[in-house]
């Protein structure tokens, strides 16, 4: 395959991480074993894509090669899309969903276009996490214990929001949401997550560069309001205008209160992720930002295989 037929970045002329994603999935299918991103890179170079030696020698600031950094992100997003599994840290393996995807979407063009839609939908739904803190789906807790944990966490979520709203530092909340998105993995391995300079933000409170080259950037606006102060459509329009001036399309608007119906509609139209107070508190508990584990309980069961 001619690498120039793929989506290339402007700085290095190297395929972007999303352009590598279909090739990485093909490589994982071909290898049929647990692979690190280095193994995926080797398989792509051997079986699918011939890149000039000069491109292999391009490096980013931390010393890693640009190509390896791109393939790392490709594997990371394939994992987030549930097309590959991670049996061990930094080790990837194609799963049944990934194999089914390859069979259903043959040909690079279709795979790439469809993967792009999946990535966009993944980002839109980042706040719709259905996992519960300390309660795994594979574990069946006795109802009384599960109910007590859920009741306790519900109160904890409310207290978290109260503390955040009452904080005197006007920039505390902005830093909190930047830290949260970084903890969720949106900074990537070599990206950056920063709070903008106080009053000079131009409607942008935080910026996350998902890779060191800045080819994938997320802009953040954070509004710390009490429950009665509902975020309306003008705030969404203003935020959209702010990210448009930066020629960007990715934005996350986070508030401790809620959004009006019109604001939600506009956010959806502008592809802005709108996270209200309830969703925010769920994410803070899930990713343990602003909280810490006080007790860790284990629910045991009989190991039937041991006695067979």
C-alpha atoms as a PDB file:
ATOM      1  CA  UNK A   1       0.000   0.000   0.000  1.00  0.00           C
ATOM      2  CA  UNK A   2       1.250   3.500  -0.858  1.00  0.00           C
ATOM      3  CA  UNK A   3       1.490   5.434   2.412  1.00  0.00           C
ATOM      4  CA  UNK A   4       0.778   8.690   0.557  1.00  0.00           C
ATOM      5  CA  UNK A   5      -2.755   7.462  -0.138  1.00  0.00           C
ATOM      6  CA  UNK A   6      -3.461   7.654   3.598  1.00  0.00           C
ATOM      7  CA  UNK A   7      -4.334  10.649   5.741  1.00  0.00           C
ATOM      8  CA  UNK A   8      -1.017  12.407   6.508  1.00  0.00           C
ATOM      9  CA  UNK A   9      -0.122  15.073   9.051  1.00  0.00           C
ATOM     10  CA  UNK A  10       1.208  18.398   7.804  1.00  0.00           C
ATOM     11  CA  UNK A  11       4.379  18.507   9.910  1.00  0.00           C
ATOM     12  CA  UNK A  12       6.038  15.141   9.174  1.00  0.00           C
ATOM     13  CA  UNK A  13       4.102  13.759   6.227  1.00  0.00           C
ATOM     14  CA  UNK A  14       3.455  10.592   8.236  1.00  0.00           C
ATOM     15  CA  UNK A  15       0.048   8.815   8.454  1.00  0.00           C
ATOM     16  CA  UNK A  16      -2.051   9.941  11.422  1.00  0.00           C
ATOM     17  CA  UNK A  17      -2.964   7.535  14.231  1.00  0.00           C
ATOM     18  CA  UNK A  18      -6.490   7.023  12.845  1.00  0.00           C
ATOM     19  CA  UNK A  19      -5.025   6.173   9.431  1.00  0.00           C
ATOM     20  CA  UNK A  20      -2.990   3.448  11.145  1.00  0.00           C
ATOM     21  CA  UNK A  21      -5.991   1.973  12.970  1.00  0.00           C
ATOM     22  CA  UNK A  22      -7.294  -0.342  10.189  1.00  0.00           C
ATOM     23  CA  UNK A  23      -3.738  -1.537   9.514  1.00  0.00           C
ATOM     24  CA  UNK A  24      -3.137  -2.162  13.210  1.00  0.00           C
ATOM     25  CA  UNK A  25      -6.331  -4.212  13.396  1.00  0.00           C
ATOM     26  CA  UNK A  26      -5.271  -6.240  10.343  1.00  0.00           C
ATOM     27  CA  UNK A  27      -1.826  -6.785  11.875  1.00  0.00           C
ATOM     28  CA  UNK A  28      -3.302  -8.008  15.168  1.00  0.00           C
ATOM     29  CA  UNK A  29      -5.548 -10.388  13.244  1.00  0.00           C
ATOM     30  CA  UNK A  30      -2.624 -11.731  11.230  1.00  0.00           C
ATOM     31  CA  UNK A  31      -0.335 -12.194  14.223  1.00  0.00           C
ATOM     32  CA  UNK A  32      -3.087 -13.930  16.233  1.00  0.00           C
ATOM     33  CA  UNK A  33      -1.153 -13.492  19.467  1.00  0.00           C
ATOM     34  CA  UNK A  34      -0.587 -10.987  22.226  1.00  0.00           C
ATOM     35  CA  UNK A  35       1.342  -8.080  20.699  1.00  0.00           C
ATOM     36  CA  UNK A  36       2.904  -4.899  21.984  1.00  0.00           C
ATOM     37  CA  UNK A  37       2.654  -1.767  19.876  1.00  0.00           C
ATOM     38  CA  UNK A  38       6.229  -2.414  18.702  1.00  0.00           C
ATOM     39  CA  UNK A  39       5.121  -5.799  17.324  1.00  0.00           C
ATOM     40  CA  UNK A  40       2.182  -4.174  15.566  1.00  0.00           C
ATOM     41  CA  UNK A  41       4.531  -1.632  13.997  1.00  0.00           C
ATOM     42  CA  UNK A  42       6.821  -4.388  12.741  1.00  0.00           C
ATOM     43  CA  UNK A  43       3.917  -6.355  11.262  1.00  0.00           C
ATOM     44  CA  UNK A  44       2.521  -3.280   9.490  1.00  0.00           C
ATOM     45  CA  UNK A  45       5.918  -2.485   7.993  1.00  0.00           C
ATOM     46  CA  UNK A  46       6.422  -6.091   6.878  1.00  0.00           C
ATOM     47  CA  UNK A  47       2.982  -6.895   5.474  1.00  0.00           C
ATOM     48  CA  UNK A  48       1.026  -3.748   4.662  1.00  0.00           C
ATOM     49  CA  UNK A  49       2.843  -0.447   4.430  1.00  0.00           C
ATOM     50  CA  UNK A  50       6.282   0.448   3.155  1.00  0.00           C
ATOM     51  CA  UNK A  51       7.482   3.752   4.575  1.00  0.00           C
ATOM     52  CA  UNK A  52      10.698   5.524   3.547  1.00  0.00           C
ATOM     53  CA  UNK A  53      13.571   5.053   5.983  1.00  0.00           C
ATOM     54  CA  UNK A  54      13.662   8.812   6.547  1.00  0.00           C
ATOM     55  CA  UNK A  55      10.155   8.707   8.041  1.00  0.00           C
ATOM     56  CA  UNK A  56      11.125   5.904  10.407  1.00  0.00           C
ATOM     57  CA  UNK A  57      13.856   8.183  11.772  1.00  0.00           C
ATOM     58  CA  UNK A  58      11.529  11.049  12.696  1.00  0.00           C
ATOM     59  CA  UNK A  59      11.388  11.495  16.493  1.00  0.00           C
ATOM     60  CA  UNK A  60       9.261  13.431  18.967  1.00  0.00           C
ATOM     61  CA  UNK A  61      10.629  15.296  21.982  1.00  0.00           C
ATOM     62  CA  UNK A  62      10.686  12.318  24.354  1.00  0.00           C
ATOM     63  CA  UNK A  63      12.893  10.341  21.961  1.00  0.00           C
ATOM     64  CA  UNK A  64      10.174   8.017  20.692  1.00  0.00           C
ATOM     65  CA  UNK A  65       9.675   7.744  16.929  1.00  0.00           C
ATOM     66  CA  UNK A  66       6.666   9.501  15.430  1.00  0.00           C
ATOM     67  CA  UNK A  67       5.514   6.268  13.779  1.00  0.00           C
ATOM     68  CA  UNK A  68       5.595   4.275  17.015  1.00  0.00           C
ATOM     69  CA  UNK A  69       3.713   7.060  18.794  1.00  0.00           C
ATOM     70  CA  UNK A  70       1.003   6.974  16.108  1.00  0.00           C
ATOM     71  CA  UNK A  71       0.653   3.191  16.299  1.00  0.00           C
ATOM     72  CA  UNK A  72       0.465   3.369  20.087  1.00  0.00           C
ATOM     73  CA  UNK A  73      -2.529   5.708  19.789  1.00  0.00           C
ATOM     74  CA  UNK A  74      -4.053   3.500  17.066  1.00  0.00           C
ATOM     75  CA  UNK A  75      -3.947   0.481  19.388  1.00  0.00           C
ATOM     76  CA  UNK A  76      -5.246   2.533  22.308  1.00  0.00           C
ATOM     77  CA  UNK A  77      -8.335   3.682  20.386  1.00  0.00           C
ATOM     78  CA  UNK A  78      -8.977   0.186  19.006  1.00  0.00           C
ATOM     79  CA  UNK A  79      -9.057  -0.960  22.629  1.00  0.00           C
ATOM     80  CA  UNK A  80     -11.463   1.833  23.589  1.00  0.00           C
ATOM     81  CA  UNK A  81     -13.699   0.789  20.710  1.00  0.00           C
ATOM     82  CA  UNK A  82     -13.664  -2.775  22.125  1.00  0.00           C
ATOM     83  CA  UNK A  83     -12.185  -4.207  18.928  1.00  0.00           C
ATOM     84  CA  UNK A  84      -9.070  -5.442  20.711  1.00  0.00           C
ATOM     85  CA  UNK A  85      -8.415  -6.650  24.246  1.00  0.00           C
ATOM     86  CA  UNK A  86      -5.532  -6.029  26.652  1.00  0.00           C
ATOM     87  CA  UNK A  87      -4.739  -9.357  28.338  1.00  0.00           C
ATOM     88  CA  UNK A  88      -1.679  -7.740  29.917  1.00  0.00           C
ATOM     89  CA  UNK A  89      -0.542  -4.112  30.349  1.00  0.00           C
ATOM     90  CA  UNK A  90       0.553  -2.563  27.012  1.00  0.00           C
ATOM     91  CA  UNK A  91      -0.288  -5.848  25.247  1.00  0.00           C
ATOM     92  CA  UNK A  92      -3.031  -6.137  22.640  1.00  0.00           C
ATOM     93  CA  UNK A  93      -4.976  -9.000  21.112  1.00  0.00           C
ATOM     94  CA  UNK A  94      -7.795  -8.855  18.579  1.00  0.00           C
ATOM     95  CA  UNK A  95     -11.086 -10.096  20.049  1.00  0.00           C
ATOM     96  CA  UNK A  96     -14.281 -11.525  18.551  1.00  0.00           C
ATOM     97  CA  UNK A  97     -15.699  -8.063  17.915  1.00  0.00           C
ATOM     98  CA  UNK A  98     -12.556  -7.056  16.046  1.00  0.00           C
ATOM     99  CA  UNK A  99     -12.621 -10.186  13.901  1.00  0.00           C
ATOM    100  CA  UNK A 100     -16.301  -9.657  13.126  1.00  0.00           C
ATOM    101  CA  UNK A 101     -15.550  -6.041  12.203  1.00  0.00           C
ATOM    102  CA  UNK A 102     -12.872  -7.100   9.717  1.00  0.00           C
ATOM    103  CA  UNK A 103     -15.193  -9.632   8.107  1.00  0.00           C
ATOM    104  CA  UNK A 104     -18.049  -7.156   7.834  1.00  0.00           C
ATOM    105  CA  UNK A 105     -16.019  -4.159   6.636  1.00  0.00           C
ATOM    106  CA  UNK A 106     -13.599  -5.339   4.002  1.00  0.00           C
ATOM    107  CA  UNK A 107     -11.258  -2.939   2.261  1.00  0.00           C
ATOM    108  CA  UNK A 108      -9.232  -0.103   3.778  1.00  0.00           C
ATOM    109  CA  UNK A 109     -11.450   2.790   2.652  1.00  0.00           C
ATOM    110  CA  UNK A 110     -14.588   1.384   4.228  1.00  0.00           C
ATOM    111  CA  UNK A 111     -12.769   0.360   7.384  1.00  0.00           C
ATOM    112  CA  UNK A 112     -11.195   3.779   7.786  1.00  0.00           C
ATOM    113  CA  UNK A 113     -14.402   5.740   7.214  1.00  0.00           C
ATOM    114  CA  UNK A 114     -16.372   3.502   9.528  1.00  0.00           C
ATOM    115  CA  UNK A 115     -13.686   3.630  12.220  1.00  0.00           C
ATOM    116  CA  UNK A 116     -13.749   7.424  12.056  1.00  0.00           C
ATOM    117  CA  UNK A 117     -17.482   7.384  12.813  1.00  0.00           C
ATOM    118  CA  UNK A 118     -16.871   5.003  15.700  1.00  0.00           C
ATOM    119  CA  UNK A 119     -14.167   7.269  17.151  1.00  0.00           C
ATOM    120  CA  UNK A 120     -16.462  10.287  16.924  1.00  0.00           C
ATOM    121  CA  UNK A 121     -19.286   8.425  18.635  1.00  0.00           C
ATOM    122  CA  UNK A 122     -16.866   7.200  21.302  1.00  0.00           C
ATOM    123  CA  UNK A 123     -15.820  10.747  22.132  1.00  0.00           C
ATOM    124  CA  UNK A 124     -19.427  11.973  22.234  1.00  0.00           C
ATOM    125  CA  UNK A 125     -20.341   9.292  24.725  1.00  0.00           C
ATOM    126  CA  UNK A 126     -17.342   9.615  27.061  1.00  0.00           C
ATOM    127  CA  UNK A 127     -19.606  10.792  29.884  1.00  0.00           C
ATOM    128  CA  UNK A 128     -22.095   7.951  29.477  1.00  0.00           C
ATOM    129  CA  UNK A 129     -20.043   5.472  31.442  1.00  0.00           C
ATOM    130  CA  UNK A 130     -22.171   2.682  32.844  1.00  0.00           C
ATOM    131  CA  UNK A 131     -19.582   1.194  35.138  1.00  0.00           C
ATOM    132  CA  UNK A 132     -20.123   1.577  38.883  1.00  0.00           C
ATOM    133  CA  UNK A 133     -17.376   2.284  41.403  1.00  0.00           C
ATOM    134  CA  UNK A 134     -16.185  -0.864  43.171  1.00  0.00           C
ATOM    135  CA  UNK A 135     -19.011  -2.959  41.666  1.00  0.00           C
ATOM    136  CA  UNK A 136     -17.962  -5.052  38.673  1.00  0.00           C
ATOM    137  CA  UNK A 137     -20.548  -6.585  36.372  1.00  0.00           C
ATOM    138  CA  UNK A 138     -18.935  -9.994  36.698  1.00  0.00           C
ATOM    139  CA  UNK A 139     -19.504  -9.958  40.465  1.00  0.00           C
ATOM    140  CA  UNK A 140     -22.907 -10.613  41.989  1.00  0.00           C
ATOM    141  CA  UNK A 141     -23.030  -8.814  45.332  1.00  0.00           C
ATOM    142  CA  UNK A 142     -25.613  -9.700  47.956  1.00  0.00           C
ATOM    143  CA  UNK A 143     -28.391  -7.144  47.524  1.00  0.00           C
ATOM    144  CA  UNK A 144     -27.958  -5.669  50.989  1.00  0.00           C
ATOM    145  CA  UNK A 145     -24.234  -4.944  50.465  1.00  0.00           C
ATOM    146  CA  UNK A 146     -24.725  -3.588  46.959  1.00  0.00           C
ATOM    147  CA  UNK A 147     -27.577  -1.348  48.100  1.00  0.00           C
ATOM    148  CA  UNK A 148     -25.513   0.033  50.969  1.00  0.00           C
ATOM    149  CA  UNK A 149     -22.556   0.806  48.668  1.00  0.00           C
ATOM    150  CA  UNK A 150     -24.793   2.539  46.132  1.00  0.00           C
ATOM    151  CA  UNK A 151     -26.547   4.546  48.859  1.00  0.00           C
ATOM    152  CA  UNK A 152     -23.231   5.629  50.368  1.00  0.00           C
ATOM    153  CA  UNK A 153     -21.796   6.622  46.977  1.00  0.00           C
ATOM    154  CA  UNK A 154     -24.953   8.584  46.157  1.00  0.00           C
ATOM    155  CA  UNK A 155     -24.430  10.707  49.259  1.00  0.00           C
ATOM    156  CA  UNK A 156     -20.742  11.046  48.466  1.00  0.00           C
ATOM    157  CA  UNK A 157     -21.527  12.361  44.977  1.00  0.00           C
ATOM    158  CA  UNK A 158     -23.798  15.053  46.446  1.00  0.00           C
ATOM    159  CA  UNK A 159     -21.191  16.110  48.991  1.00  0.00           C
ATOM    160  CA  UNK A 160     -18.529  16.285  46.283  1.00  0.00           C
ATOM    161  CA  UNK A 161     -20.563  18.776  44.250  1.00  0.00           C
ATOM    162  CA  UNK A 162     -21.293  20.867  47.348  1.00  0.00           C
ATOM    163  CA  UNK A 163     -17.590  21.095  48.193  1.00  0.00           C
ATOM    164  CA  UNK A 164     -16.663  22.011  44.613  1.00  0.00           C
ATOM    165  CA  UNK A 165     -19.288  24.780  44.393  1.00  0.00           C
ATOM    166  CA  UNK A 166     -18.204  26.283  47.739  1.00  0.00           C
ATOM    167  CA  UNK A 167     -14.469  26.371  46.919  1.00  0.00           C
ATOM    168  CA  UNK A 168     -13.172  29.951  47.095  1.00  0.00           C
ATOM    169  CA  UNK A 169     -10.464  29.496  44.468  1.00  0.00           C
ATOM    170  CA  UNK A 170     -12.152  30.534  41.182  1.00  0.00           C
ATOM    171  CA  UNK A 171      -9.739  28.423  39.122  1.00  0.00           C
ATOM    172  CA  UNK A 172      -9.969  25.248  41.194  1.00  0.00           C
ATOM    173  CA  UNK A 173     -12.836  23.798  39.169  1.00  0.00           C
ATOM    174  CA  UNK A 174     -11.108  24.446  35.855  1.00  0.00           C
ATOM    175  CA  UNK A 175      -8.048  22.517  37.033  1.00  0.00           C
ATOM    176  CA  UNK A 176     -10.283  19.757  38.402  1.00  0.00           C
ATOM    177  CA  UNK A 177     -11.948  19.014  35.060  1.00  0.00           C
ATOM    178  CA  UNK A 178      -8.586  19.109  33.239  1.00  0.00           C
ATOM    179  CA  UNK A 179      -7.214  16.602  35.752  1.00  0.00           C
ATOM    180  CA  UNK A 180     -10.304  14.432  35.355  1.00  0.00           C
ATOM    181  CA  UNK A 181     -10.096  14.163  31.568  1.00  0.00           C
ATOM    182  CA  UNK A 182      -6.371  13.455  31.835  1.00  0.00           C
ATOM    183  CA  UNK A 183      -7.098  10.687  34.380  1.00  0.00           C
ATOM    184  CA  UNK A 184      -9.661   9.246  31.962  1.00  0.00           C
ATOM    185  CA  UNK A 185      -6.871   8.756  29.429  1.00  0.00           C
ATOM    186  CA  UNK A 186      -7.665  11.517  26.954  1.00  0.00           C
ATOM    187  CA  UNK A 187      -4.213  13.049  27.358  1.00  0.00           C
ATOM    188  CA  UNK A 188      -2.649   9.907  25.935  1.00  0.00           C
ATOM    189  CA  UNK A 189       0.848   8.735  26.731  1.00  0.00           C
ATOM    190  CA  UNK A 190       2.785  11.769  25.488  1.00  0.00           C
ATOM    191  CA  UNK A 191       0.090  14.435  25.276  1.00  0.00           C
ATOM    192  CA  UNK A 192      -0.533  17.408  27.563  1.00  0.00           C
ATOM    193  CA  UNK A 193      -3.396  18.720  29.701  1.00  0.00           C
ATOM    194  CA  UNK A 194      -3.313  22.356  30.775  1.00  0.00           C
ATOM    195  CA  UNK A 195      -5.577  24.966  32.314  1.00  0.00           C
ATOM    196  CA  UNK A 196      -5.527  28.186  30.304  1.00  0.00           C
ATOM    197  CA  UNK A 197      -4.202  31.430  31.752  1.00  0.00           C
ATOM    198  CA  UNK A 198      -6.858  32.761  34.099  1.00  0.00           C
ATOM    199  CA  UNK A 199      -8.804  35.582  32.390  1.00  0.00           C
ATOM    200  CA  UNK A 200      -6.965  35.294  29.079  1.00  0.00           C
ATOM    201  CA  UNK A 201      -8.729  32.103  28.036  1.00  0.00           C
ATOM    202  CA  UNK A 202     -11.104  33.578  25.444  1.00  0.00           C
ATOM    203  CA  UNK A 203     -13.864  31.207  26.534  1.00  0.00           C
ATOM    204  CA  UNK A 204     -11.511  28.197  26.788  1.00  0.00           C
ATOM    205  CA  UNK A 205     -10.717  26.965  30.311  1.00  0.00           C
ATOM    206  CA  UNK A 206      -8.583  23.961  29.456  1.00  0.00           C
ATOM    207  CA  UNK A 207      -6.784  22.356  26.524  1.00  0.00           C
ATOM    208  CA  UNK A 208      -5.868  18.704  26.086  1.00  0.00           C
ATOM    209  CA  UNK A 209      -3.453  17.780  23.323  1.00  0.00           C
ATOM    210  CA  UNK A 210      -3.898  14.052  22.825  1.00  0.00           C
ATOM    211  CA  UNK A 211      -0.514  13.729  21.152  1.00  0.00           C
ATOM    212  CA  UNK A 212       2.680  15.793  21.347  1.00  0.00           C
ATOM    213  CA  UNK A 213       2.199  17.111  17.814  1.00  0.00           C
ATOM    214  CA  UNK A 214      -1.146  18.685  18.623  1.00  0.00           C
ATOM    215  CA  UNK A 215      -2.943  16.927  15.768  1.00  0.00           C
ATOM    216  CA  UNK A 216      -5.815  15.955  18.086  1.00  0.00           C
ATOM    217  CA  UNK A 217      -6.912  18.655  20.538  1.00  0.00           C
ATOM    218  CA  UNK A 218      -9.828  18.862  22.966  1.00  0.00           C
ATOM    219  CA  UNK A 219     -11.029  22.226  24.276  1.00  0.00           C
ATOM    220  CA  UNK A 220     -12.755  22.491  27.645  1.00  0.00           C
ATOM    221  CA  UNK A 221     -15.101  24.959  29.268  1.00  0.00           C
ATOM    222  CA  UNK A 222     -15.930  24.576  32.956  1.00  0.00           C
ATOM    223  CA  UNK A 223     -18.751  26.395  34.756  1.00  0.00           C
ATOM    224  CA  UNK A 224     -19.117  26.061  38.522  1.00  0.00           C
ATOM    225  CA  UNK A 225     -22.747  26.897  39.314  1.00  0.00           C
ATOM    226  CA  UNK A 226     -25.247  25.983  42.009  1.00  0.00           C
ATOM    227  CA  UNK A 227     -28.173  23.736  41.096  1.00  0.00           C
ATOM    228  CA  UNK A 228     -30.523  26.634  40.358  1.00  0.00           C
ATOM    229  CA  UNK A 229     -28.191  28.201  37.794  1.00  0.00           C
ATOM    230  CA  UNK A 230     -28.993  26.280  34.602  1.00  0.00           C
ATOM    231  CA  UNK A 231     -26.606  26.612  31.656  1.00  0.00           C
ATOM    232  CA  UNK A 232     -28.521  28.027  28.699  1.00  0.00           C
ATOM    233  CA  UNK A 233     -28.010  27.995  24.953  1.00  0.00           C
ATOM    234  CA  UNK A 234     -26.023  31.299  24.827  1.00  0.00           C
ATOM    235  CA  UNK A 235     -23.231  29.661  26.829  1.00  0.00           C
ATOM    236  CA  UNK A 236     -23.081  26.755  24.356  1.00  0.00           C
ATOM    237  CA  UNK A 237     -23.084  29.167  21.407  1.00  0.00           C
ATOM    238  CA  UNK A 238     -20.268  31.191  22.981  1.00  0.00           C
ATOM    239  CA  UNK A 239     -18.170  28.085  23.604  1.00  0.00           C
ATOM    240  CA  UNK A 240     -18.772  26.852  20.059  1.00  0.00           C
ATOM    241  CA  UNK A 241     -17.614  30.230  18.728  1.00  0.00           C
ATOM    242  CA  UNK A 242     -14.475  30.034  20.877  1.00  0.00           C
ATOM    243  CA  UNK A 243     -13.430  26.624  19.554  1.00  0.00           C
ATOM    244  CA  UNK A 244     -14.319  27.596  15.977  1.00  0.00           C
ATOM    245  CA  UNK A 245     -11.867  30.498  16.141  1.00  0.00           C
ATOM    246  CA  UNK A 246      -9.205  27.847  16.764  1.00  0.00           C
ATOM    247  CA  UNK A 247     -10.337  25.854  13.719  1.00  0.00           C
ATOM    248  CA  UNK A 248     -11.314  23.033  16.080  1.00  0.00           C
ATOM    249  CA  UNK A 249     -14.359  20.780  16.306  1.00  0.00           C
ATOM    250  CA  UNK A 250     -13.877  19.025  19.645  1.00  0.00           C
ATOM    251  CA  UNK A 251     -15.248  20.546  22.810  1.00  0.00           C
ATOM    252  CA  UNK A 252     -16.311  19.424  26.283  1.00  0.00           C
ATOM    253  CA  UNK A 253     -18.566  21.674  28.380  1.00  0.00           C
ATOM    254  CA  UNK A 254     -18.707  20.649  32.056  1.00  0.00           C
ATOM    255  CA  UNK A 255     -20.888  22.203  34.749  1.00  0.00           C
ATOM    256  CA  UNK A 256     -21.792  21.392  38.340  1.00  0.00           C
ATOM    257  CA  UNK A 257     -25.444  22.245  37.613  1.00  0.00           C
ATOM    258  CA  UNK A 258     -27.398  21.241  34.497  1.00  0.00           C
ATOM    259  CA  UNK A 259     -28.225  22.316  30.944  1.00  0.00           C
ATOM    260  CA  UNK A 260     -31.468  23.635  29.535  1.00  0.00           C
ATOM    261  CA  UNK A 261     -33.227  21.584  26.882  1.00  0.00           C
ATOM    262  CA  UNK A 262     -32.202  24.071  24.198  1.00  0.00           C
ATOM    263  CA  UNK A 263     -28.582  24.027  25.390  1.00  0.00           C
ATOM    264  CA  UNK A 264     -28.503  20.230  25.126  1.00  0.00           C
ATOM    265  CA  UNK A 265     -29.908  20.372  21.609  1.00  0.00           C
ATOM    266  CA  UNK A 266     -27.301  22.921  20.530  1.00  0.00           C
ATOM    267  CA  UNK A 267     -24.484  20.943  22.125  1.00  0.00           C
ATOM    268  CA  UNK A 268     -25.563  17.867  20.195  1.00  0.00           C
ATOM    269  CA  UNK A 269     -25.763  19.831  16.946  1.00  0.00           C
ATOM    270  CA  UNK A 270     -22.305  21.348  17.464  1.00  0.00           C
ATOM    271  CA  UNK A 271     -20.779  17.983  18.535  1.00  0.00           C
ATOM    272  CA  UNK A 272     -20.009  19.395  21.983  1.00  0.00           C
ATOM    273  CA  UNK A 273     -20.001  16.925  24.875  1.00  0.00           C
ATOM    274  CA  UNK A 274     -22.173  18.437  27.632  1.00  0.00           C
ATOM    275  CA  UNK A 275     -21.544  16.982  31.095  1.00  0.00           C
ATOM    276  CA  UNK A 276     -23.844  18.037  33.943  1.00  0.00           C
ATOM    277  CA  UNK A 277     -23.294  17.798  37.683  1.00  0.00           C
ATOM    278  CA  UNK A 278     -24.681  14.289  38.063  1.00  0.00           C
ATOM    279  CA  UNK A 279     -22.511  12.910  35.272  1.00  0.00           C
ATOM    280  CA  UNK A 280     -19.498  14.805  36.611  1.00  0.00           C
ATOM    281  CA  UNK A 281     -19.851  13.355  40.110  1.00  0.00           C
ATOM    282  CA  UNK A 282     -20.162   9.837  38.660  1.00  0.00           C
ATOM    283  CA  UNK A 283     -16.938  10.315  36.711  1.00  0.00           C
ATOM    284  CA  UNK A 284     -15.104  11.736  39.736  1.00  0.00           C
ATOM    285  CA  UNK A 285     -15.931   8.617  41.717  1.00  0.00           C
ATOM    286  CA  UNK A 286     -15.229   6.224  38.876  1.00  0.00           C
ATOM    287  CA  UNK A 287     -11.780   7.651  38.140  1.00  0.00           C
ATOM    288  CA  UNK A 288     -11.103   8.530  41.799  1.00  0.00           C
ATOM    289  CA  UNK A 289     -10.450  12.228  41.344  1.00  0.00           C
ATOM    290  CA  UNK A 290     -11.023  14.121  44.585  1.00  0.00           C
ATOM    291  CA  UNK A 291     -11.761  10.877  46.449  1.00  0.00           C
ATOM    292  CA  UNK A 292      -9.734   7.976  47.777  1.00  0.00           C
ATOM    293  CA  UNK A 293     -10.499   4.387  48.715  1.00  0.00           C
ATOM    294  CA  UNK A 294     -11.206   4.133  52.435  1.00  0.00           C
ATOM    295  CA  UNK A 295     -12.014   0.416  52.567  1.00  0.00           C
ATOM    296  CA  UNK A 296     -11.610  -2.336  49.980  1.00  0.00           C
ATOM    297  CA  UNK A 297     -13.868  -5.339  50.507  1.00  0.00           C
ATOM    298  CA  UNK A 298     -13.683  -8.685  48.722  1.00  0.00           C
ATOM    299  CA  UNK A 299     -16.626 -10.983  48.030  1.00  0.00           C
ATOM    300  CA  UNK A 300     -15.426 -14.592  47.870  1.00  0.00           C
ATOM    301  CA  UNK A 301     -17.049 -17.712  46.441  1.00  0.00           C
ATOM    302  CA  UNK A 302     -16.281 -21.421  46.420  1.00  0.00           C
ATOM    303  CA  UNK A 303     -13.709 -22.476  43.818  1.00  0.00           C
ATOM    304  CA  UNK A 304     -15.456 -25.553  42.404  1.00  0.00           C
ATOM    305  CA  UNK A 305     -12.515 -26.418  40.156  1.00  0.00           C
ATOM    306  CA  UNK A 306     -10.278 -26.760  43.232  1.00  0.00           C
ATOM    307  CA  UNK A 307     -12.477 -29.551  44.631  1.00  0.00           C
ATOM    308  CA  UNK A 308     -13.003 -31.449  41.359  1.00  0.00           C
END
